[in-house]
Amino acid sequence: MIAIEEIANELHVSREELLQRSVVSYMERLLFKAEADILRITSRHGVQTVEDLDRLLLAGKTSETAVFEDYFTLDALLAERKKLQQLLDTAQTA
């Protein structure tokens, strides 16, 4: 396995800069994946939030069985997106 120092030297950056850029890139990829998963669910149901899914259920426009898994997945993904965005913001300002 190539050491971080070797890669940094080959790229003409410091070890710290390489690690910082790597963390930011990794966080961006995680955030992109979370946003893609959110879009997949929201597009499927024509909503933007968990609250929108609640309104569909209360209005009788969909059944609980039709949205059960997506409801909890969307809720978790929205929380994950918020956490990832905060971590990314922190990493970018460090």
Protein backbone atom coordinates (compact mmCIF):
# COMPACT_ATOMS: atom_id res chain seq x y z
CA MET A 1 0.00 0.00 0.00
CA ILE A 2 1.30 3.46 -0.88
CA ALA A 3 1.85 5.74 2.09
CA ILE A 4 -0.01 9.03 2.29
CA GLU A 5 3.29 10.87 2.32
CA GLU A 6 4.28 9.28 -1.00
CA ILE A 7 1.02 10.28 -2.63
CA ALA A 8 1.28 13.81 -1.26
CA ASN A 9 4.82 14.09 -2.61
CA GLU A 10 3.77 12.84 -6.05
CA LEU A 11 0.91 15.37 -6.11
CA HIS A 12 3.12 18.16 -4.74
CA VAL A 13 0.84 18.90 -1.79
CA SER A 14 1.35 18.59 1.93
CA ARG A 15 0.16 15.51 3.79
CA GLU A 16 -2.37 17.68 5.65
CA GLU A 17 -3.74 19.20 2.44
CA LEU A 18 -4.12 15.75 0.88
CA LEU A 19 -5.95 14.47 3.95
CA GLN A 20 -8.18 17.58 4.07
CA ARG A 21 -9.08 17.32 0.39
CA SER A 22 -9.71 13.59 0.76
CA VAL A 23 -12.09 14.11 3.68
CA VAL A 24 -13.98 16.82 1.81
CA SER A 25 -14.23 14.66 -1.31
CA TYR A 26 -15.45 11.67 0.70
CA MET A 27 -18.05 13.77 2.51
CA GLU A 28 -19.24 15.22 -0.82
CA ARG A 29 -19.72 11.72 -2.22
CA LEU A 30 -21.69 10.61 0.84
CA LEU A 31 -23.84 13.73 0.61
CA PHE A 32 -24.43 13.20 -3.12
CA LYS A 33 -25.56 9.62 -2.47
CA ALA A 34 -27.92 10.69 0.32
CA GLU A 35 -29.40 13.40 -1.90
CA ALA A 36 -29.87 10.94 -4.76
CA ASP A 37 -31.67 8.52 -2.45
CA ILE A 38 -33.85 11.36 -1.12
CA LEU A 39 -34.72 12.40 -4.68
CA ARG A 40 -35.62 8.84 -5.60
CA ILE A 41 -38.12 8.61 -2.74
CA THR A 42 -39.55 12.12 -3.04
CA SER A 43 -40.01 11.73 -6.79
CA ARG A 44 -41.78 8.42 -6.33
CA HIS A 45 -44.38 10.00 -4.06
CA GLY A 46 -44.39 13.58 -5.38
CA VAL A 47 -43.30 15.04 -2.04
CA GLN A 48 -40.37 16.95 -0.58
CA THR A 49 -40.52 16.07 3.13
CA VAL A 50 -41.75 13.50 5.60
CA GLU A 51 -44.44 16.02 6.54
CA ASP A 52 -45.66 15.96 2.93
CA LEU A 53 -45.98 12.17 3.18
CA ASP A 54 -47.97 12.66 6.38
CA ARG A 55 -50.33 15.02 4.57
CA LEU A 56 -50.85 12.47 1.79
CA LEU A 57 -51.69 9.83 4.36
CA LEU A 58 -54.07 12.10 6.29
CA ALA A 59 -55.78 13.18 3.08
CA GLY A 60 -56.26 9.54 2.11
CA LYS A 61 -54.29 10.00 -1.11
CA THR A 62 -52.05 7.04 -0.30
CA SER A 63 -52.04 4.11 2.06
CA GLU A 64 -49.75 3.53 4.98
CA THR A 65 -48.60 0.25 3.48
CA ALA A 66 -47.63 2.03 0.25
CA VAL A 67 -45.31 4.49 1.99
CA PHE A 68 -44.31 2.74 5.22
CA GLU A 69 -40.71 1.87 4.33
CA ASP A 70 -40.11 5.04 2.32
CA TYR A 71 -41.45 7.17 5.19
CA PHE A 72 -38.84 5.97 7.65
CA THR A 73 -36.08 5.80 5.05
CA LEU A 74 -36.77 9.38 3.96
CA ASP A 75 -36.79 10.58 7.55
CA ALA A 76 -33.41 8.92 8.19
CA LEU A 77 -31.95 10.22 4.92
CA LEU A 78 -33.01 13.80 5.64
CA ALA A 79 -31.35 13.60 9.06
CA GLU A 80 -28.25 12.07 7.49
CA ARG A 81 -28.11 14.80 4.84
CA LYS A 82 -28.28 17.48 7.52
CA LYS A 83 -25.48 15.83 9.53
CA LEU A 84 -23.32 15.31 6.43
CA GLN A 85 -23.80 18.92 5.34
CA GLN A 86 -22.76 20.17 8.78
CA LEU A 87 -19.69 17.92 8.76
CA LEU A 88 -18.81 19.00 5.23
CA ASP A 89 -19.14 22.67 6.16
CA THR A 90 -16.83 22.06 9.12
CA ALA A 91 -14.32 20.17 6.99
CA GLN A 92 -14.27 22.89 4.33
CA THR A 93 -13.57 25.64 6.83
CA ALA A 94 -10.84 23.74 8.67
